[in-house]
Amino acid sequence: MTDTIKVLIVDDQDVIRVGLANMLKSETDIRIIDEARDGFEAISKTIKLKPDVVLMDIFMPRCSGLEAMIKIRSVSPDTKVVILTVSERGEDLFQVLKFGATGYLLKSAHINEIVKAVRMAVTGEVTMSPNMATKLVAEFRKKSDEPVLSSRELEILKLLGEGLTNTEIANRLFIGESTVRTYLQRLLNKLNLKNRAAAIAYAARNYIASPPV
């Protein structure tokens, strides 16, 4: 590979970001263009810097990795996202792949695995830690009948999970309150959820939104 791969590292722990940057900078075809502490910074810096690969954790304050990835894939479609996390849950793996991740590695992965994942990501090849493949298959079987939400339904679910009322959601998205109710009922039906409280719990469980404070 002759072109340099521009990488943005995203993690709320300084030691992780610095450690990754130090290990990756020895690779002649990889250039660390910046770092971010949370999902909001990741989105902002992706828009500004257009990295080839975002190497990002899932669990971060203010804005989760999943939420950030969905936005990054929207504002910078050519940017690939590789998740680097401690989570071995099949649910987490399934969710990030479902919404466009190009890799899923555990933080215990050897640096050679991370380098390989970054290089493969720019070609569109998906990489994951070996022990996660079986969990992905199991999760896929469990989730195969679950419908995919539209981008608008996902936006409303996110805001709902953050504790906003229908009126506040309508004002935020510049749509009518009746339209919010329509989308809300639609996503409840799609996800087979009984009520608003169940939708809020679903959003938190799937890292679509941070819980209201």
C-alpha atoms as a PDB file:
ATOM      1  CA  MET A   1       0.000   0.000   0.000  1.00  0.00           C
ATOM      2  CA  THR A   2       1.571   3.266  -1.105  1.00  0.00           C
ATOM      3  CA  ASP A   3      -0.910   5.821   0.249  1.00  0.00           C
ATOM      4  CA  THR A   4      -0.701   6.890   3.872  1.00  0.00           C
ATOM      5  CA  ILE A   5      -3.738   5.909   5.943  1.00  0.00           C
ATOM      6  CA  LYS A   6      -5.016   8.835   8.018  1.00  0.00           C
ATOM      7  CA  VAL A   7      -6.252   7.629  11.415  1.00  0.00           C
ATOM      8  CA  LEU A   8      -8.272   9.386  14.123  1.00  0.00           C
ATOM      9  CA  ILE A   9      -8.041   7.738  17.571  1.00  0.00           C
ATOM     10  CA  VAL A  10     -11.093   8.102  19.835  1.00  0.00           C
ATOM     11  CA  ASP A  11     -11.124   7.011  23.489  1.00  0.00           C
ATOM     12  CA  ASP A  12     -12.003   8.752  26.736  1.00  0.00           C
ATOM     13  CA  GLN A  13      -8.895   7.337  28.443  1.00  0.00           C
ATOM     14  CA  ASP A  14      -5.727   9.337  27.807  1.00  0.00           C
ATOM     15  CA  VAL A  15      -3.471   6.338  28.357  1.00  0.00           C
ATOM     16  CA  ILE A  16      -5.255   4.345  25.639  1.00  0.00           C
ATOM     17  CA  ARG A  17      -5.070   7.156  23.082  1.00  0.00           C
ATOM     18  CA  VAL A  18      -1.410   7.906  23.761  1.00  0.00           C
ATOM     19  CA  GLY A  19      -0.469   4.231  23.797  1.00  0.00           C
ATOM     20  CA  LEU A  20      -2.180   3.530  20.486  1.00  0.00           C
ATOM     21  CA  ALA A  21      -0.673   6.604  18.870  1.00  0.00           C
ATOM     22  CA  ASN A  22       2.829   5.637  20.004  1.00  0.00           C
ATOM     23  CA  MET A  23       2.462   2.085  18.724  1.00  0.00           C
ATOM     24  CA  LEU A  24       0.908   3.018  15.385  1.00  0.00           C
ATOM     25  CA  LYS A  25       3.227   5.882  14.499  1.00  0.00           C
ATOM     26  CA  SER A  26       6.041   3.425  13.790  1.00  0.00           C
ATOM     27  CA  GLU A  27       4.043   2.122  10.810  1.00  0.00           C
ATOM     28  CA  THR A  28       5.215   3.979   7.702  1.00  0.00           C
ATOM     29  CA  ASP A  29       1.842   3.731   5.955  1.00  0.00           C
ATOM     30  CA  ILE A  30      -0.231   4.958   8.927  1.00  0.00           C
ATOM     31  CA  ARG A  31      -0.431   8.574  10.131  1.00  0.00           C
ATOM     32  CA  ILE A  32      -2.249   9.626  13.302  1.00  0.00           C
ATOM     33  CA  ILE A  33      -3.899  12.908  12.333  1.00  0.00           C
ATOM     34  CA  ASP A  34      -5.582  13.626  15.685  1.00  0.00           C
ATOM     35  CA  GLU A  35      -7.222  12.238  18.817  1.00  0.00           C
ATOM     36  CA  ALA A  36     -10.674  12.695  20.377  1.00  0.00           C
ATOM     37  CA  ARG A  37     -11.992  12.094  23.903  1.00  0.00           C
ATOM     38  CA  ASP A  38     -15.616  11.281  23.082  1.00  0.00           C
ATOM     39  CA  GLY A  39     -18.119  10.810  20.299  1.00  0.00           C
ATOM     40  CA  PHE A  40     -18.890  14.506  19.872  1.00  0.00           C
ATOM     41  CA  GLU A  41     -15.219  15.328  19.327  1.00  0.00           C
ATOM     42  CA  ALA A  42     -14.942  12.367  16.961  1.00  0.00           C
ATOM     43  CA  ILE A  43     -17.794  13.673  14.809  1.00  0.00           C
ATOM     44  CA  SER A  44     -16.418  17.222  14.758  1.00  0.00           C
ATOM     45  CA  LYS A  45     -12.881  16.143  13.888  1.00  0.00           C
ATOM     46  CA  THR A  46     -14.085  13.702  11.250  1.00  0.00           C
ATOM     47  CA  ILE A  47     -15.981  16.491   9.495  1.00  0.00           C
ATOM     48  CA  LYS A  48     -12.905  18.726   9.636  1.00  0.00           C
ATOM     49  CA  LEU A  49     -10.095  16.230   8.933  1.00  0.00           C
ATOM     50  CA  LYS A  50     -11.780  13.474   6.871  1.00  0.00           C
ATOM     51  CA  PRO A  51      -9.753  10.541   8.274  1.00  0.00           C
ATOM     52  CA  ASP A  52      -9.581   7.289   6.346  1.00  0.00           C
ATOM     53  CA  VAL A  53     -10.121   5.277   9.527  1.00  0.00           C
ATOM     54  CA  VAL A  54     -11.569   6.152  12.932  1.00  0.00           C
ATOM     55  CA  LEU A  55     -10.296   3.810  15.652  1.00  0.00           C
ATOM     56  CA  MET A  56     -12.897   4.201  18.396  1.00  0.00           C
ATOM     57  CA  ASP A  57     -14.189   2.812  21.685  1.00  0.00           C
ATOM     58  CA  ILE A  58     -17.909   2.159  22.296  1.00  0.00           C
ATOM     59  CA  PHE A  59     -18.199   3.241  25.919  1.00  0.00           C
ATOM     60  CA  MET A  60     -17.552   6.969  26.248  1.00  0.00           C
ATOM     61  CA  PRO A  61     -19.216   9.829  28.136  1.00  0.00           C
ATOM     62  CA  ARG A  62     -21.534  12.370  26.482  1.00  0.00           C
ATOM     63  CA  CYS A  63     -21.759  10.508  23.167  1.00  0.00           C
ATOM     64  CA  SER A  64     -21.263   6.759  22.721  1.00  0.00           C
ATOM     65  CA  GLY A  65     -19.150   5.194  20.015  1.00  0.00           C
ATOM     66  CA  LEU A  66     -22.230   3.712  18.351  1.00  0.00           C
ATOM     67  CA  GLU A  67     -24.002   7.058  18.208  1.00  0.00           C
ATOM     68  CA  ALA A  68     -20.853   8.758  16.908  1.00  0.00           C
ATOM     69  CA  MET A  69     -20.312   6.073  14.283  1.00  0.00           C
ATOM     70  CA  ILE A  70     -23.824   6.472  12.896  1.00  0.00           C
ATOM     71  CA  LYS A  71     -23.244  10.211  12.487  1.00  0.00           C
ATOM     72  CA  ILE A  72     -19.732   9.737  11.072  1.00  0.00           C
ATOM     73  CA  ARG A  73     -21.022   7.305   8.456  1.00  0.00           C
ATOM     74  CA  SER A  74     -23.586   9.952   7.506  1.00  0.00           C
ATOM     75  CA  VAL A  75     -21.295  12.996   7.263  1.00  0.00           C
ATOM     76  CA  SER A  76     -18.218  11.193   5.905  1.00  0.00           C
ATOM     77  CA  PRO A  77     -19.279   8.011   4.059  1.00  0.00           C
ATOM     78  CA  ASP A  78     -15.733   7.213   2.919  1.00  0.00           C
ATOM     79  CA  THR A  79     -14.425   7.134   6.493  1.00  0.00           C
ATOM     80  CA  LYS A  80     -14.220   3.628   7.942  1.00  0.00           C
ATOM     81  CA  VAL A  81     -14.807   2.929  11.630  1.00  0.00           C
ATOM     82  CA  VAL A  82     -12.958   0.221  13.550  1.00  0.00           C
ATOM     83  CA  ILE A  83     -14.209  -0.397  17.083  1.00  0.00           C
ATOM     84  CA  LEU A  84     -11.625  -1.106  19.794  1.00  0.00           C
ATOM     85  CA  THR A  85     -13.354  -2.071  23.036  1.00  0.00           C
ATOM     86  CA  VAL A  86     -13.349  -4.243  26.151  1.00  0.00           C
ATOM     87  CA  SER A  87     -16.826  -5.577  25.395  1.00  0.00           C
ATOM     88  CA  GLU A  88     -17.130  -9.214  24.376  1.00  0.00           C
ATOM     89  CA  ARG A  89     -20.930  -9.023  24.182  1.00  0.00           C
ATOM     90  CA  GLY A  90     -22.413 -10.350  20.972  1.00  0.00           C
ATOM     91  CA  GLU A  91     -25.081  -7.643  21.190  1.00  0.00           C
ATOM     92  CA  ASP A  92     -22.465  -4.873  21.014  1.00  0.00           C
ATOM     93  CA  LEU A  93     -20.711  -6.522  18.075  1.00  0.00           C
ATOM     94  CA  PHE A  94     -23.977  -7.000  16.202  1.00  0.00           C
ATOM     95  CA  GLN A  95     -25.078  -3.399  16.750  1.00  0.00           C
ATOM     96  CA  VAL A  96     -21.887  -1.739  15.508  1.00  0.00           C
ATOM     97  CA  LEU A  97     -21.642  -3.982  12.451  1.00  0.00           C
ATOM     98  CA  LYS A  98     -25.316  -3.384  11.743  1.00  0.00           C
ATOM     99  CA  PHE A  99     -24.733   0.366  11.655  1.00  0.00           C
ATOM    100  CA  GLY A 100     -21.595   0.281   9.535  1.00  0.00           C
ATOM    101  CA  ALA A 101     -18.447  -0.603  11.496  1.00  0.00           C
ATOM    102  CA  THR A 102     -15.627  -2.105   9.425  1.00  0.00           C
ATOM    103  CA  GLY A 103     -13.941  -3.832  12.345  1.00  0.00           C
ATOM    104  CA  TYR A 104     -14.401  -4.934  15.953  1.00  0.00           C
ATOM    105  CA  LEU A 105     -11.353  -5.658  18.083  1.00  0.00           C
ATOM    106  CA  LEU A 106     -10.914  -6.194  21.791  1.00  0.00           C
ATOM    107  CA  LYS A 107      -8.487  -3.929  23.614  1.00  0.00           C
ATOM    108  CA  SER A 108      -6.506  -7.036  24.494  1.00  0.00           C
ATOM    109  CA  ALA A 109      -5.673  -7.466  20.782  1.00  0.00           C
ATOM    110  CA  HIS A 110      -2.008  -7.460  19.787  1.00  0.00           C
ATOM    111  CA  ILE A 111      -0.831  -4.320  18.018  1.00  0.00           C
ATOM    112  CA  ASN A 112      -0.287  -6.372  14.853  1.00  0.00           C
ATOM    113  CA  GLU A 113      -4.015  -7.202  14.814  1.00  0.00           C
ATOM    114  CA  ILE A 114      -4.893  -3.523  15.167  1.00  0.00           C
ATOM    115  CA  VAL A 115      -2.528  -2.534  12.361  1.00  0.00           C
ATOM    116  CA  LYS A 116      -3.999  -5.248  10.148  1.00  0.00           C
ATOM    117  CA  ALA A 117      -7.551  -4.085  10.925  1.00  0.00           C
ATOM    118  CA  VAL A 118      -6.696  -0.482  10.005  1.00  0.00           C
ATOM    119  CA  ARG A 119      -5.157  -1.557   6.703  1.00  0.00           C
ATOM    120  CA  MET A 120      -8.038  -3.870   5.852  1.00  0.00           C
ATOM    121  CA  ALA A 121     -10.621  -1.235   6.763  1.00  0.00           C
ATOM    122  CA  VAL A 122      -9.561   1.110   3.964  1.00  0.00           C
ATOM    123  CA  THR A 123     -10.263  -1.668   1.464  1.00  0.00           C
ATOM    124  CA  GLY A 124     -13.681  -2.295   3.021  1.00  0.00           C
ATOM    125  CA  GLU A 125     -12.774  -5.643   4.570  1.00  0.00           C
ATOM    126  CA  VAL A 126     -14.270  -6.367   7.992  1.00  0.00           C
ATOM    127  CA  THR A 127     -11.973  -7.589  10.769  1.00  0.00           C
ATOM    128  CA  MET A 128     -12.913  -8.870  14.205  1.00  0.00           C
ATOM    129  CA  SER A 129     -11.213 -10.553  17.125  1.00  0.00           C
ATOM    130  CA  PRO A 130     -11.252 -14.326  16.477  1.00  0.00           C
ATOM    131  CA  ASN A 131     -13.373 -15.274  19.485  1.00  0.00           C
ATOM    132  CA  MET A 132     -16.099 -12.819  18.449  1.00  0.00           C
ATOM    133  CA  ALA A 133     -17.067 -14.633  15.236  1.00  0.00           C
ATOM    134  CA  THR A 134     -19.081 -17.323  17.033  1.00  0.00           C
ATOM    135  CA  LYS A 135     -20.848 -14.679  19.105  1.00  0.00           C
ATOM    136  CA  LEU A 136     -21.729 -12.775  15.947  1.00  0.00           C
ATOM    137  CA  VAL A 137     -23.339 -15.848  14.390  1.00  0.00           C
ATOM    138  CA  ALA A 138     -25.357 -16.491  17.555  1.00  0.00           C
ATOM    139  CA  GLU A 139     -26.455 -12.867  17.757  1.00  0.00           C
ATOM    140  CA  PHE A 140     -27.354 -12.782  14.072  1.00  0.00           C
ATOM    141  CA  ARG A 141     -29.616 -15.794  14.484  1.00  0.00           C
ATOM    142  CA  LYS A 142     -31.297 -14.126  17.437  1.00  0.00           C
ATOM    143  CA  LYS A 143     -31.678 -10.779  15.686  1.00  0.00           C
ATOM    144  CA  SER A 144     -32.332 -11.883  12.110  1.00  0.00           C
ATOM    145  CA  ASP A 145     -36.013 -10.992  12.306  1.00  0.00           C
ATOM    146  CA  GLU A 146     -35.490  -7.613  13.963  1.00  0.00           C
ATOM    147  CA  PRO A 147     -36.431  -4.723  11.628  1.00  0.00           C
ATOM    148  CA  VAL A 148     -34.066  -1.879  10.787  1.00  0.00           C
ATOM    149  CA  LEU A 149     -35.136   1.606  11.839  1.00  0.00           C
ATOM    150  CA  SER A 150     -35.107   4.480   9.378  1.00  0.00           C
ATOM    151  CA  SER A 151     -32.721   7.366  10.038  1.00  0.00           C
ATOM    152  CA  ARG A 152     -35.611   9.536  11.297  1.00  0.00           C
ATOM    153  CA  GLU A 153     -36.910   6.802  13.595  1.00  0.00           C
ATOM    154  CA  LEU A 154     -33.385   6.356  14.948  1.00  0.00           C
ATOM    155  CA  GLU A 155     -33.078  10.114  15.588  1.00  0.00           C
ATOM    156  CA  ILE A 156     -36.345  10.120  17.511  1.00  0.00           C
ATOM    157  CA  LEU A 157     -35.349   7.035  19.500  1.00  0.00           C
ATOM    158  CA  LYS A 158     -32.054   8.706  20.423  1.00  0.00           C
ATOM    159  CA  LEU A 159     -33.756  11.903  21.619  1.00  0.00           C
ATOM    160  CA  LEU A 160     -36.379   9.883  23.445  1.00  0.00           C
ATOM    161  CA  GLY A 161     -33.595   8.011  25.214  1.00  0.00           C
ATOM    162  CA  GLU A 162     -32.098  11.334  26.281  1.00  0.00           C
ATOM    163  CA  GLY A 163     -35.322  12.220  28.077  1.00  0.00           C
ATOM    164  CA  LEU A 164     -36.874  14.697  25.634  1.00  0.00           C
ATOM    165  CA  THR A 165     -40.647  15.077  25.433  1.00  0.00           C
ATOM    166  CA  ASN A 166     -42.550  14.852  22.148  1.00  0.00           C
ATOM    167  CA  THR A 167     -42.741  18.650  22.029  1.00  0.00           C
ATOM    168  CA  GLU A 168     -38.992  18.998  22.605  1.00  0.00           C
ATOM    169  CA  ILE A 169     -38.240  16.371  19.948  1.00  0.00           C
ATOM    170  CA  ALA A 170     -40.506  18.175  17.477  1.00  0.00           C
ATOM    171  CA  ASN A 171     -38.724  21.474  18.141  1.00  0.00           C
ATOM    172  CA  ARG A 172     -35.292  19.866  17.856  1.00  0.00           C
ATOM    173  CA  LEU A 173     -36.075  18.197  14.510  1.00  0.00           C
ATOM    174  CA  PHE A 174     -38.288  21.003  13.139  1.00  0.00           C
ATOM    175  CA  ILE A 175     -41.260  18.715  12.601  1.00  0.00           C
ATOM    176  CA  GLY A 176     -44.794  18.641  13.978  1.00  0.00           C
ATOM    177  CA  GLU A 177     -45.609  16.982  17.278  1.00  0.00           C
ATOM    178  CA  SER A 178     -48.134  14.748  15.520  1.00  0.00           C
ATOM    179  CA  THR A 179     -45.339  13.604  13.193  1.00  0.00           C
ATOM    180  CA  VAL A 180     -43.222  12.708  16.221  1.00  0.00           C
ATOM    181  CA  ARG A 181     -46.095  10.637  17.604  1.00  0.00           C
ATOM    182  CA  THR A 182     -46.445   8.856  14.260  1.00  0.00           C
ATOM    183  CA  TYR A 183     -42.742   7.982  14.115  1.00  0.00           C
ATOM    184  CA  LEU A 184     -42.771   6.948  17.766  1.00  0.00           C
ATOM    185  CA  GLN A 185     -45.662   4.560  17.243  1.00  0.00           C
ATOM    186  CA  ARG A 186     -43.985   3.198  14.125  1.00  0.00           C
ATOM    187  CA  LEU A 187     -40.707   2.440  15.901  1.00  0.00           C
ATOM    188  CA  LEU A 188     -42.567   0.903  18.859  1.00  0.00           C
ATOM    189  CA  ASN A 189     -44.337  -1.423  16.442  1.00  0.00           C
ATOM    190  CA  LYS A 190     -41.129  -2.277  14.578  1.00  0.00           C
ATOM    191  CA  LEU A 191     -39.230  -3.092  17.759  1.00  0.00           C
ATOM    192  CA  ASN A 192     -42.199  -4.805  19.410  1.00  0.00           C
ATOM    193  CA  LEU A 193     -42.030  -2.437  22.375  1.00  0.00           C
ATOM    194  CA  LYS A 194     -45.063  -1.730  24.525  1.00  0.00           C
ATOM    195  CA  ASN A 195     -44.563   1.895  25.466  1.00  0.00           C
ATOM    196  CA  ARG A 196     -42.328   4.944  25.735  1.00  0.00           C
ATOM    197  CA  ALA A 197     -40.504   3.622  28.804  1.00  0.00           C
ATOM    198  CA  ALA A 198     -39.600   0.435  26.946  1.00  0.00           C
ATOM    199  CA  ALA A 199     -38.238   2.516  24.059  1.00  0.00           C
ATOM    200  CA  ILE A 200     -36.074   4.552  26.452  1.00  0.00           C
ATOM    201  CA  ALA A 201     -34.718   1.335  27.964  1.00  0.00           C
ATOM    202  CA  TYR A 202     -34.045  -0.056  24.477  1.00  0.00           C
ATOM    203  CA  ALA A 203     -32.118   3.087  23.500  1.00  0.00           C
ATOM    204  CA  ALA A 204     -29.944   2.855  26.621  1.00  0.00           C
ATOM    205  CA  ARG A 205     -29.396  -0.894  26.266  1.00  0.00           C
ATOM    206  CA  ASN A 206     -28.246  -0.527  22.667  1.00  0.00           C
ATOM    207  CA  TYR A 207     -26.095   2.575  23.326  1.00  0.00           C
ATOM    208  CA  ILE A 208     -28.245   4.685  21.009  1.00  0.00           C
ATOM    209  CA  ALA A 209     -28.470   7.411  23.630  1.00  0.00           C
ATOM    210  CA  SER A 210     -26.979   8.339  26.954  1.00  0.00           C
ATOM    211  CA  PRO A 211     -29.528   8.135  29.772  1.00  0.00           C
ATOM    212  CA  PRO A 212     -31.051  11.459  30.871  1.00  0.00           C
ATOM    213  CA  VAL A 213     -29.355  13.167  33.813  1.00  0.00           C
END
